[in-house]
Amino acid sequence: MKPIITAVECVSELAGSRPPVLLDVRWRQGGPHGRPDYEAGHIPGAVFVDLDADLAGPSGSGGRHPLPDPEDFGAVMRRAGVRADTPVVVYDGGQGWAAARAWWLLRWTGHEDVRVLDGGLAAWEGELDKEIPAPAEGDFRPVPGAVPSLDADEAAALARTGLLLDARAAERYRGEVEPIDRVAGHIPGAVSAPTSENVTDGGRFLPAASLAARFAELGADRESRVGVYCGSGVSGAHEVLALAVAGIPAALYAGSWSEWTADESRPVATGPDPR
C-alpha cells in the first residue's frame, strides 16, 4: 500500500464502504497553534490532533519532541475514533511534516493502514466544515516497535556503518546557522538530505522514481541500512515517508539533533562533508 493518498483518492474512499478516519494535524514550528485554523474549516469528519500535546512527550533531555507515552498516544487515537481495522488518513496545512509525524507514530505503534494526504489541506478541493465531530471511541492499542527507530547511540553507529540522513536545511547541517537548538552542526558521518528537496513547490511529493533516484545519489537503496534525523523528529518523519514512497525502508532517530546536543559529550561536526 502506498503511504500517501491523493485528494481525489481520498474523496472516493470517504464515499466508499470503508471510509478512513481523518486526522487534522495542522502545526507550524513556533506557532501559531493549529486549532483555530481547524475550527475555521476542516475536511468534514476530521478530528484535530495537537502535535505538541498529543504526538510528543514533554520536552527535555530527550529533545524538543520526544516520543509520547504509548498509552497516552493510544488514548488520543481512540478518542479520535481510530480503530485497528480501519484506514487512517492524516493531513496538515500542506508542509507535510506534522502529518508525517502522526503517520510514523501510528505505523511505529502497529497500525497497518495509515496514509498522508499528499499536499495536505491545500490539495483538498471539496468543501470544508466547521462542525466539530464526536466520533465513536476507537479500539486502537499501541504496540511500539512495528517499524524501526534509533536512539542516539544507534544513530551514531549507523552514521559509521550505514547511511544516516540529516533532513534539516543544508545551512543548519553545515553549522552556519542554528535558529532553534543549542549547538550548530551535524552528527559526524551523517549526510545532508534536506526534506525540502523531496517535494514540489506546491508541497506534493516527487514521483517515486524521482525520489528513488535522489536517494540513490545519496547512497540509499532498498538494500541499504538507512536512518534519518532532523531537529526534533518531525521533518525527519517526513523524510522517512519520502523514502517509503521510494520503496526504501528507513529508521527514525526521533530525539534527533535537539536530543543529541543536549548531551555536551556528544561530538559535533560542521561543514559540507559528513566528517
C-alpha atoms as a PDB file:
ATOM      1  CA  MET A   1       0.000   0.000   0.000  1.00  0.00           C
ATOM      2  CA  LYS A   2       1.242   3.479  -0.846  1.00  0.00           C
ATOM      3  CA  PRO A   3       1.957   5.610   2.229  1.00  0.00           C
ATOM      4  CA  ILE A   4       0.370   8.681   0.619  1.00  0.00           C
ATOM      5  CA  ILE A   5      -3.063   9.321  -0.890  1.00  0.00           C
ATOM      6  CA  THR A   6      -4.240  11.988  -3.329  1.00  0.00           C
ATOM      7  CA  ALA A   7      -7.208  14.224  -2.616  1.00  0.00           C
ATOM      8  CA  VAL A   8      -9.164  12.558  -5.426  1.00  0.00           C
ATOM      9  CA  GLU A   9      -8.487   9.115  -3.975  1.00  0.00           C
ATOM     10  CA  CYS A  10      -9.450  10.338  -0.515  1.00  0.00           C
ATOM     11  CA  VAL A  11     -12.804  11.676  -1.738  1.00  0.00           C
ATOM     12  CA  SER A  12     -13.522   8.325  -3.339  1.00  0.00           C
ATOM     13  CA  GLU A  13     -12.640   6.361  -0.203  1.00  0.00           C
ATOM     14  CA  LEU A  14     -14.693   8.627   2.059  1.00  0.00           C
ATOM     15  CA  ALA A  15     -17.729   7.839  -0.099  1.00  0.00           C
ATOM     16  CA  GLY A  16     -16.999   4.102  -0.063  1.00  0.00           C
ATOM     17  CA  SER A  17     -17.959   1.244   2.214  1.00  0.00           C
ATOM     18  CA  ARG A  18     -14.815   1.521   4.361  1.00  0.00           C
ATOM     19  CA  PRO A  19     -14.165   5.265   4.856  1.00  0.00           C
ATOM     20  CA  PRO A  20     -10.932   6.246   6.589  1.00  0.00           C
ATOM     21  CA  VAL A  21     -10.673   8.074   9.891  1.00  0.00           C
ATOM     22  CA  LEU A  22      -9.427  11.606   9.188  1.00  0.00           C
ATOM     23  CA  LEU A  23      -6.899  13.343  11.443  1.00  0.00           C
ATOM     24  CA  ASP A  24      -6.121  17.066  11.079  1.00  0.00           C
ATOM     25  CA  VAL A  25      -2.627  17.782  12.418  1.00  0.00           C
ATOM     26  CA  ARG A  26      -2.083  21.383  11.389  1.00  0.00           C
ATOM     27  CA  TRP A  27       1.044  22.711  13.109  1.00  0.00           C
ATOM     28  CA  ARG A  28       3.848  25.164  12.485  1.00  0.00           C
ATOM     29  CA  GLN A  29       7.190  25.377  14.240  1.00  0.00           C
ATOM     30  CA  GLY A  30       6.931  28.248  16.711  1.00  0.00           C
ATOM     31  CA  GLY A  31       3.164  28.672  16.215  1.00  0.00           C
ATOM     32  CA  PRO A  32       0.522  29.905  15.935  1.00  0.00           C
ATOM     33  CA  HIS A  33      -1.471  26.953  17.247  1.00  0.00           C
ATOM     34  CA  GLY A  34      -3.321  24.943  14.598  1.00  0.00           C
ATOM     35  CA  ARG A  35      -6.607  24.578  16.482  1.00  0.00           C
ATOM     36  CA  PRO A  36      -8.107  27.946  15.388  1.00  0.00           C
ATOM     37  CA  ASP A  37      -7.432  27.106  11.736  1.00  0.00           C
ATOM     38  CA  TYR A  38      -9.072  23.723  12.253  1.00  0.00           C
ATOM     39  CA  GLU A  39     -12.153  25.309  13.808  1.00  0.00           C
ATOM     40  CA  ALA A  40     -12.369  27.789  10.943  1.00  0.00           C
ATOM     41  CA  GLY A  41     -12.661  24.958   8.451  1.00  0.00           C
ATOM     42  CA  HIS A  42     -11.547  21.348   8.067  1.00  0.00           C
ATOM     43  CA  ILE A  43     -12.269  18.330   5.899  1.00  0.00           C
ATOM     44  CA  PRO A  44     -15.688  17.057   7.002  1.00  0.00           C
ATOM     45  CA  GLY A  45     -15.328  14.489   9.781  1.00  0.00           C
ATOM     46  CA  ALA A  46     -11.679  15.247  10.555  1.00  0.00           C
ATOM     47  CA  VAL A  47     -10.597  15.262  14.203  1.00  0.00           C
ATOM     48  CA  PHE A  48      -7.924  17.717  15.340  1.00  0.00           C
ATOM     49  CA  VAL A  49      -4.743  16.276  16.869  1.00  0.00           C
ATOM     50  CA  ASP A  50      -2.229  18.563  18.601  1.00  0.00           C
ATOM     51  CA  LEU A  51       1.335  17.696  17.642  1.00  0.00           C
ATOM     52  CA  ASP A  52       2.958  19.230  20.721  1.00  0.00           C
ATOM     53  CA  ALA A  53       0.463  17.780  23.216  1.00  0.00           C
ATOM     54  CA  ASP A  54      -0.592  14.523  21.544  1.00  0.00           C
ATOM     55  CA  LEU A  55       2.270  13.431  19.286  1.00  0.00           C
ATOM     56  CA  ALA A  56       5.168  14.188  21.638  1.00  0.00           C
ATOM     57  CA  GLY A  57       6.110  13.831  25.264  1.00  0.00           C
ATOM     58  CA  PRO A  58       7.367  16.692  27.448  1.00  0.00           C
ATOM     59  CA  SER A  59      10.462  18.362  26.011  1.00  0.00           C
ATOM     60  CA  GLY A  60      13.744  17.960  27.858  1.00  0.00           C
ATOM     61  CA  SER A  61      16.845  15.809  27.617  1.00  0.00           C
ATOM     62  CA  GLY A  62      15.005  13.607  25.115  1.00  0.00           C
ATOM     63  CA  GLY A  63      14.721  16.510  22.696  1.00  0.00           C
ATOM     64  CA  ARG A  64      12.074  19.073  21.794  1.00  0.00           C
ATOM     65  CA  HIS A  65       9.578  16.453  20.599  1.00  0.00           C
ATOM     66  CA  PRO A  66      10.393  13.146  22.305  1.00  0.00           C
ATOM     67  CA  LEU A  67       8.145  10.199  21.629  1.00  0.00           C
ATOM     68  CA  PRO A  68       4.886  10.298  23.591  1.00  0.00           C
ATOM     69  CA  ASP A  69       3.996   7.686  26.159  1.00  0.00           C
ATOM     70  CA  PRO A  70       2.399   4.911  24.072  1.00  0.00           C
ATOM     71  CA  GLU A  71      -0.600   4.606  26.398  1.00  0.00           C
ATOM     72  CA  ASP A  72      -1.246   8.346  26.254  1.00  0.00           C
ATOM     73  CA  PHE A  73      -0.902   8.282  22.474  1.00  0.00           C
ATOM     74  CA  GLY A  74      -3.279   5.348  22.222  1.00  0.00           C
ATOM     75  CA  ALA A  75      -5.886   7.157  24.320  1.00  0.00           C
ATOM     76  CA  VAL A  76      -5.697  10.172  21.982  1.00  0.00           C
ATOM     77  CA  MET A  77      -6.095   7.962  18.939  1.00  0.00           C
ATOM     78  CA  ARG A  78      -9.051   6.096  20.418  1.00  0.00           C
ATOM     79  CA  ARG A  79     -10.793   9.392  21.249  1.00  0.00           C
ATOM     80  CA  ALA A  80     -10.246  10.374  17.614  1.00  0.00           C
ATOM     81  CA  GLY A  81     -12.065   7.207  16.541  1.00  0.00           C
ATOM     82  CA  VAL A  82      -9.018   5.266  15.349  1.00  0.00           C
ATOM     83  CA  ARG A  83      -9.646   1.539  15.104  1.00  0.00           C
ATOM     84  CA  ALA A  84      -7.110  -1.180  14.392  1.00  0.00           C
ATOM     85  CA  ASP A  85      -9.039  -2.424  11.371  1.00  0.00           C
ATOM     86  CA  THR A  86      -9.971   0.957   9.862  1.00  0.00           C
ATOM     87  CA  PRO A  87      -7.851   3.061   7.472  1.00  0.00           C
ATOM     88  CA  VAL A  88      -6.477   6.377   8.702  1.00  0.00           C
ATOM     89  CA  VAL A  89      -5.676   9.425   6.568  1.00  0.00           C
ATOM     90  CA  VAL A  90      -3.658  12.243   8.129  1.00  0.00           C
ATOM     91  CA  TYR A  91      -3.244  15.761   6.781  1.00  0.00           C
ATOM     92  CA  ASP A  92      -1.858  19.119   7.830  1.00  0.00           C
ATOM     93  CA  GLY A  93      -1.738  22.572   6.302  1.00  0.00           C
ATOM     94  CA  GLY A  94       0.398  21.472   3.384  1.00  0.00           C
ATOM     95  CA  GLN A  95       4.013  21.236   4.573  1.00  0.00           C
ATOM     96  CA  GLY A  96       3.511  17.590   5.438  1.00  0.00           C
ATOM     97  CA  TRP A  97       5.824  17.453   8.437  1.00  0.00           C
ATOM     98  CA  ALA A  98       3.170  17.199  11.152  1.00  0.00           C
ATOM     99  CA  ALA A  99       1.086  14.722   9.159  1.00  0.00           C
ATOM    100  CA  ALA A 100       4.181  12.578   8.634  1.00  0.00           C
ATOM    101  CA  ARG A 101       4.875  12.620  12.385  1.00  0.00           C
ATOM    102  CA  ALA A 102       1.366  11.240  13.041  1.00  0.00           C
ATOM    103  CA  TRP A 103       1.794   8.715  10.215  1.00  0.00           C
ATOM    104  CA  TRP A 104       5.092   7.495  11.632  1.00  0.00           C
ATOM    105  CA  LEU A 105       3.788   7.219  15.194  1.00  0.00           C
ATOM    106  CA  LEU A 106       0.768   5.196  14.091  1.00  0.00           C
ATOM    107  CA  ARG A 107       2.973   2.934  11.991  1.00  0.00           C
ATOM    108  CA  TRP A 108       5.548   2.595  14.800  1.00  0.00           C
ATOM    109  CA  THR A 109       2.824   1.598  17.251  1.00  0.00           C
ATOM    110  CA  GLY A 110       1.404  -1.045  14.936  1.00  0.00           C
ATOM    111  CA  HIS A 111      -1.355   0.468  12.800  1.00  0.00           C
ATOM    112  CA  GLU A 112      -1.017  -1.077   9.349  1.00  0.00           C
ATOM    113  CA  ASP A 113      -3.219   1.215   7.221  1.00  0.00           C
ATOM    114  CA  VAL A 114      -2.132   4.843   7.537  1.00  0.00           C
ATOM    115  CA  ARG A 115      -1.580   7.344   4.739  1.00  0.00           C
ATOM    116  CA  VAL A 116      -0.751  11.027   4.438  1.00  0.00           C
ATOM    117  CA  LEU A 117      -2.847  13.294   2.222  1.00  0.00           C
ATOM    118  CA  ASP A 118      -0.345  14.411  -0.407  1.00  0.00           C
ATOM    119  CA  GLY A 119      -0.209  18.205  -0.430  1.00  0.00           C
ATOM    120  CA  GLY A 120      -2.269  18.493   2.737  1.00  0.00           C
ATOM    121  CA  LEU A 121      -5.337  20.669   3.079  1.00  0.00           C
ATOM    122  CA  ALA A 122      -4.067  22.874   0.250  1.00  0.00           C
ATOM    123  CA  ALA A 123      -4.679  19.952  -2.138  1.00  0.00           C
ATOM    124  CA  TRP A 124      -8.280  19.461  -0.974  1.00  0.00           C
ATOM    125  CA  GLU A 125     -10.816  20.784  -3.478  1.00  0.00           C
ATOM    126  CA  GLY A 126     -14.000  19.842  -1.623  1.00  0.00           C
ATOM    127  CA  GLU A 127     -15.989  21.835   0.887  1.00  0.00           C
ATOM    128  CA  LEU A 128     -14.733  22.461   4.395  1.00  0.00           C
ATOM    129  CA  ASP A 129     -16.717  22.037   7.597  1.00  0.00           C
ATOM    130  CA  LYS A 130     -16.786  23.932  10.909  1.00  0.00           C
ATOM    131  CA  GLU A 131     -18.676  21.265  12.818  1.00  0.00           C
ATOM    132  CA  ILE A 132     -16.557  19.537  15.456  1.00  0.00           C
ATOM    133  CA  PRO A 133     -17.140  15.777  15.103  1.00  0.00           C
ATOM    134  CA  ALA A 134     -17.733  13.430  18.029  1.00  0.00           C
ATOM    135  CA  PRO A 135     -16.554  10.059  16.731  1.00  0.00           C
ATOM    136  CA  ALA A 136     -17.314   6.770  18.411  1.00  0.00           C
ATOM    137  CA  GLU A 137     -14.493   5.540  20.625  1.00  0.00           C
ATOM    138  CA  GLY A 138     -11.897   3.583  18.690  1.00  0.00           C
ATOM    139  CA  ASP A 139     -10.141   0.403  19.776  1.00  0.00           C
ATOM    140  CA  PHE A 140      -6.541   1.000  18.664  1.00  0.00           C
ATOM    141  CA  ARG A 141      -3.990  -0.282  21.190  1.00  0.00           C
ATOM    142  CA  PRO A 142      -0.385   0.766  20.512  1.00  0.00           C
ATOM    143  CA  VAL A 143       2.343  -1.851  20.338  1.00  0.00           C
ATOM    144  CA  PRO A 144       5.582   0.111  19.802  1.00  0.00           C
ATOM    145  CA  GLY A 145       8.329  -1.177  17.541  1.00  0.00           C
ATOM    146  CA  ALA A 146       6.406  -2.152  14.418  1.00  0.00           C
ATOM    147  CA  VAL A 147       8.772  -0.017  12.319  1.00  0.00           C
ATOM    148  CA  PRO A 148      12.422   0.709  13.147  1.00  0.00           C
ATOM    149  CA  SER A 149      13.626   3.577  15.298  1.00  0.00           C
ATOM    150  CA  LEU A 150      17.018   4.705  16.551  1.00  0.00           C
ATOM    151  CA  ASP A 151      18.364   6.088  19.796  1.00  0.00           C
ATOM    152  CA  ALA A 152      21.396   8.383  19.921  1.00  0.00           C
ATOM    153  CA  ASP A 153      23.987   5.608  20.129  1.00  0.00           C
ATOM    154  CA  GLU A 154      22.354   3.663  17.306  1.00  0.00           C
ATOM    155  CA  ALA A 155      22.250   6.800  15.143  1.00  0.00           C
ATOM    156  CA  ALA A 156      25.950   7.415  15.763  1.00  0.00           C
ATOM    157  CA  ALA A 157      26.767   3.812  14.841  1.00  0.00           C
ATOM    158  CA  LEU A 158      24.644   3.919  11.693  1.00  0.00           C
ATOM    159  CA  ALA A 159      26.433   7.073  10.539  1.00  0.00           C
ATOM    160  CA  ARG A 160      29.634   4.982  10.518  1.00  0.00           C
ATOM    161  CA  THR A 161      28.325   1.647   9.234  1.00  0.00           C
ATOM    162  CA  GLY A 162      25.313   2.539   7.072  1.00  0.00           C
ATOM    163  CA  LEU A 163      23.661   5.756   5.965  1.00  0.00           C
ATOM    164  CA  LEU A 164      22.321   8.424   8.321  1.00  0.00           C
ATOM    165  CA  LEU A 165      20.475  11.253   6.562  1.00  0.00           C
ATOM    166  CA  ASP A 166      20.096  14.734   8.050  1.00  0.00           C
ATOM    167  CA  ALA A 167      16.717  16.120   6.940  1.00  0.00           C
ATOM    168  CA  ARG A 168      17.309  19.713   8.087  1.00  0.00           C
ATOM    169  CA  ALA A 169      18.170  22.673   5.866  1.00  0.00           C
ATOM    170  CA  ALA A 170      21.681  22.437   4.451  1.00  0.00           C
ATOM    171  CA  GLU A 171      22.904  25.559   6.248  1.00  0.00           C
ATOM    172  CA  ARG A 172      21.936  24.070   9.595  1.00  0.00           C
ATOM    173  CA  TYR A 173      23.731  20.832   8.685  1.00  0.00           C
ATOM    174  CA  ARG A 174      26.858  22.802   7.783  1.00  0.00           C
ATOM    175  CA  GLY A 175      26.697  24.647  11.104  1.00  0.00           C
ATOM    176  CA  GLU A 176      26.364  28.098   9.554  1.00  0.00           C
ATOM    177  CA  VAL A 177      23.148  28.891  11.440  1.00  0.00           C
ATOM    178  CA  GLU A 178      21.150  27.302  14.227  1.00  0.00           C
ATOM    179  CA  PRO A 179      17.888  29.122  14.929  1.00  0.00           C
ATOM    180  CA  ILE A 180      16.451  26.618  17.406  1.00  0.00           C
ATOM    181  CA  ASP A 181      18.893  24.238  19.060  1.00  0.00           C
ATOM    182  CA  ARG A 182      21.830  24.802  21.396  1.00  0.00           C
ATOM    183  CA  VAL A 183      24.649  23.893  19.010  1.00  0.00           C
ATOM    184  CA  ALA A 184      25.080  24.161  15.230  1.00  0.00           C
ATOM    185  CA  GLY A 185      26.383  21.361  13.027  1.00  0.00           C
ATOM    186  CA  HIS A 186      25.563  17.701  12.424  1.00  0.00           C
ATOM    187  CA  ILE A 187      26.142  14.195  13.717  1.00  0.00           C
ATOM    188  CA  PRO A 188      29.573  13.063  12.478  1.00  0.00           C
ATOM    189  CA  GLY A 189      29.179  10.840   9.430  1.00  0.00           C
ATOM    190  CA  ALA A 190      25.644  11.978   8.605  1.00  0.00           C
ATOM    191  CA  VAL A 191      24.809  13.023   5.042  1.00  0.00           C
ATOM    192  CA  SER A 192      22.880  16.200   4.263  1.00  0.00           C
ATOM    193  CA  ALA A 193      19.477  15.452   2.674  1.00  0.00           C
ATOM    194  CA  PRO A 194      17.097  18.401   3.155  1.00  0.00           C
ATOM    195  CA  THR A 195      13.437  17.400   3.305  1.00  0.00           C
ATOM    196  CA  SER A 196      12.563  20.342   1.062  1.00  0.00           C
ATOM    197  CA  GLU A 197      14.115  18.524  -1.899  1.00  0.00           C
ATOM    198  CA  ASN A 198      11.588  15.665  -1.655  1.00  0.00           C
ATOM    199  CA  VAL A 199       8.618  17.764  -2.716  1.00  0.00           C
ATOM    200  CA  THR A 200       7.471  20.106  -5.456  1.00  0.00           C
ATOM    201  CA  ASP A 201       6.977  23.835  -4.952  1.00  0.00           C
ATOM    202  CA  GLY A 202       3.352  23.007  -4.157  1.00  0.00           C
ATOM    203  CA  GLY A 203       4.353  20.675  -1.327  1.00  0.00           C
ATOM    204  CA  ARG A 204       3.469  17.397  -3.037  1.00  0.00           C
ATOM    205  CA  PHE A 205       5.902  14.515  -3.124  1.00  0.00           C
ATOM    206  CA  LEU A 206       8.025  13.989  -6.195  1.00  0.00           C
ATOM    207  CA  PRO A 207       7.200  10.827  -8.166  1.00  0.00           C
ATOM    208  CA  ALA A 208       8.502   7.619  -6.611  1.00  0.00           C
ATOM    209  CA  ALA A 209      11.092   7.147  -9.368  1.00  0.00           C
ATOM    210  CA  SER A 210      12.441  10.670  -8.851  1.00  0.00           C
ATOM    211  CA  LEU A 211      12.699  10.131  -5.106  1.00  0.00           C
ATOM    212  CA  ALA A 212      14.428   6.784  -5.619  1.00  0.00           C
ATOM    213  CA  ALA A 213      16.954   8.468  -7.920  1.00  0.00           C
ATOM    214  CA  ARG A 214      17.566  11.239  -5.408  1.00  0.00           C
ATOM    215  CA  PHE A 215      18.160   8.830  -2.542  1.00  0.00           C
ATOM    216  CA  ALA A 216      20.340   6.593  -4.732  1.00  0.00           C
ATOM    217  CA  GLU A 217      22.648   9.581  -5.290  1.00  0.00           C
ATOM    218  CA  LEU A 218      22.892   9.918  -1.532  1.00  0.00           C
ATOM    219  CA  GLY A 219      23.766   6.235  -1.155  1.00  0.00           C
ATOM    220  CA  ALA A 220      20.362   4.755  -0.285  1.00  0.00           C
ATOM    221  CA  ASP A 221      18.542   1.891  -1.939  1.00  0.00           C
ATOM    222  CA  ARG A 222      16.263  -0.933  -0.817  1.00  0.00           C
ATOM    223  CA  GLU A 223      19.212  -2.971   0.432  1.00  0.00           C
ATOM    224  CA  SER A 224      20.765  -0.131   2.450  1.00  0.00           C
ATOM    225  CA  ARG A 225      20.567   0.394   6.194  1.00  0.00           C
ATOM    226  CA  VAL A 226      19.143   3.903   6.338  1.00  0.00           C
ATOM    227  CA  GLY A 227      18.324   6.194   9.233  1.00  0.00           C
ATOM    228  CA  VAL A 228      17.006   9.758   9.367  1.00  0.00           C
ATOM    229  CA  TYR A 229      17.147  12.574  11.884  1.00  0.00           C
ATOM    230  CA  CYS A 230      16.234  16.252  11.880  1.00  0.00           C
ATOM    231  CA  GLY A 231      15.870  18.848  14.637  1.00  0.00           C
ATOM    232  CA  SER A 232      13.279  17.115  16.792  1.00  0.00           C
ATOM    233  CA  GLY A 233      11.844  14.146  14.888  1.00  0.00           C
ATOM    234  CA  VAL A 234       9.167  15.995  12.882  1.00  0.00           C
ATOM    235  CA  SER A 235      10.671  16.821   9.481  1.00  0.00           C
ATOM    236  CA  GLY A 236      12.694  13.616   9.833  1.00  0.00           C
ATOM    237  CA  ALA A 237       9.429  11.665   9.809  1.00  0.00           C
ATOM    238  CA  HIS A 238       8.608  13.406   6.540  1.00  0.00           C
ATOM    239  CA  GLU A 239      11.883  12.161   5.064  1.00  0.00           C
ATOM    240  CA  VAL A 240      11.141   8.622   6.270  1.00  0.00           C
ATOM    241  CA  LEU A 241       7.799   8.998   4.472  1.00  0.00           C
ATOM    242  CA  ALA A 242       9.540  10.164   1.292  1.00  0.00           C
ATOM    243  CA  LEU A 243      11.848   7.149   1.493  1.00  0.00           C
ATOM    244  CA  ALA A 244       8.794   4.907   1.907  1.00  0.00           C
ATOM    245  CA  VAL A 245       7.264   6.438  -1.237  1.00  0.00           C
ATOM    246  CA  ALA A 246      10.514   5.495  -2.990  1.00  0.00           C
ATOM    247  CA  GLY A 247      10.277   1.951  -1.616  1.00  0.00           C
ATOM    248  CA  ILE A 248      13.192   2.343   0.799  1.00  0.00           C
ATOM    249  CA  PRO A 249      12.665   1.415   4.467  1.00  0.00           C
ATOM    250  CA  ALA A 250      14.310   3.725   6.991  1.00  0.00           C
ATOM    251  CA  ALA A 251      14.556   4.155  10.754  1.00  0.00           C
ATOM    252  CA  LEU A 252      13.811   7.448  12.518  1.00  0.00           C
ATOM    253  CA  TYR A 253      16.007   8.892  15.246  1.00  0.00           C
ATOM    254  CA  ALA A 254      13.121  10.642  16.985  1.00  0.00           C
ATOM    255  CA  GLY A 255      15.233  12.531  19.522  1.00  0.00           C
ATOM    256  CA  SER A 256      17.249  13.993  16.646  1.00  0.00           C
ATOM    257  CA  TRP A 257      19.563  16.987  16.888  1.00  0.00           C
ATOM    258  CA  SER A 258      17.789  18.533  19.895  1.00  0.00           C
ATOM    259  CA  GLU A 259      18.440  15.375  21.937  1.00  0.00           C
ATOM    260  CA  TRP A 260      21.924  14.833  20.500  1.00  0.00           C
ATOM    261  CA  THR A 261      23.124  18.304  21.517  1.00  0.00           C
ATOM    262  CA  ALA A 262      21.529  18.113  24.978  1.00  0.00           C
ATOM    263  CA  ASP A 263      24.474  15.891  25.919  1.00  0.00           C
ATOM    264  CA  GLU A 264      27.618  18.033  25.716  1.00  0.00           C
ATOM    265  CA  SER A 265      29.819  14.937  25.484  1.00  0.00           C
ATOM    266  CA  ARG A 266      28.470  14.003  22.051  1.00  0.00           C
ATOM    267  CA  PRO A 267      30.641  15.036  19.089  1.00  0.00           C
ATOM    268  CA  VAL A 268      29.535  17.683  16.600  1.00  0.00           C
ATOM    269  CA  ALA A 269      30.755  18.080  13.012  1.00  0.00           C
ATOM    270  CA  THR A 270      30.476  21.192  10.830  1.00  0.00           C
ATOM    271  CA  GLY A 271      30.990  21.966   7.182  1.00  0.00           C
ATOM    272  CA  PRO A 272      29.570  20.424   3.997  1.00  0.00           C
ATOM    273  CA  ASP A 273      31.153  16.996   4.388  1.00  0.00           C
ATOM    274  CA  PRO A 274      29.842  14.165   6.579  1.00  0.00           C
ATOM    275  CA  ARG A 275      33.011  14.078   8.673  1.00  0.00           C
END
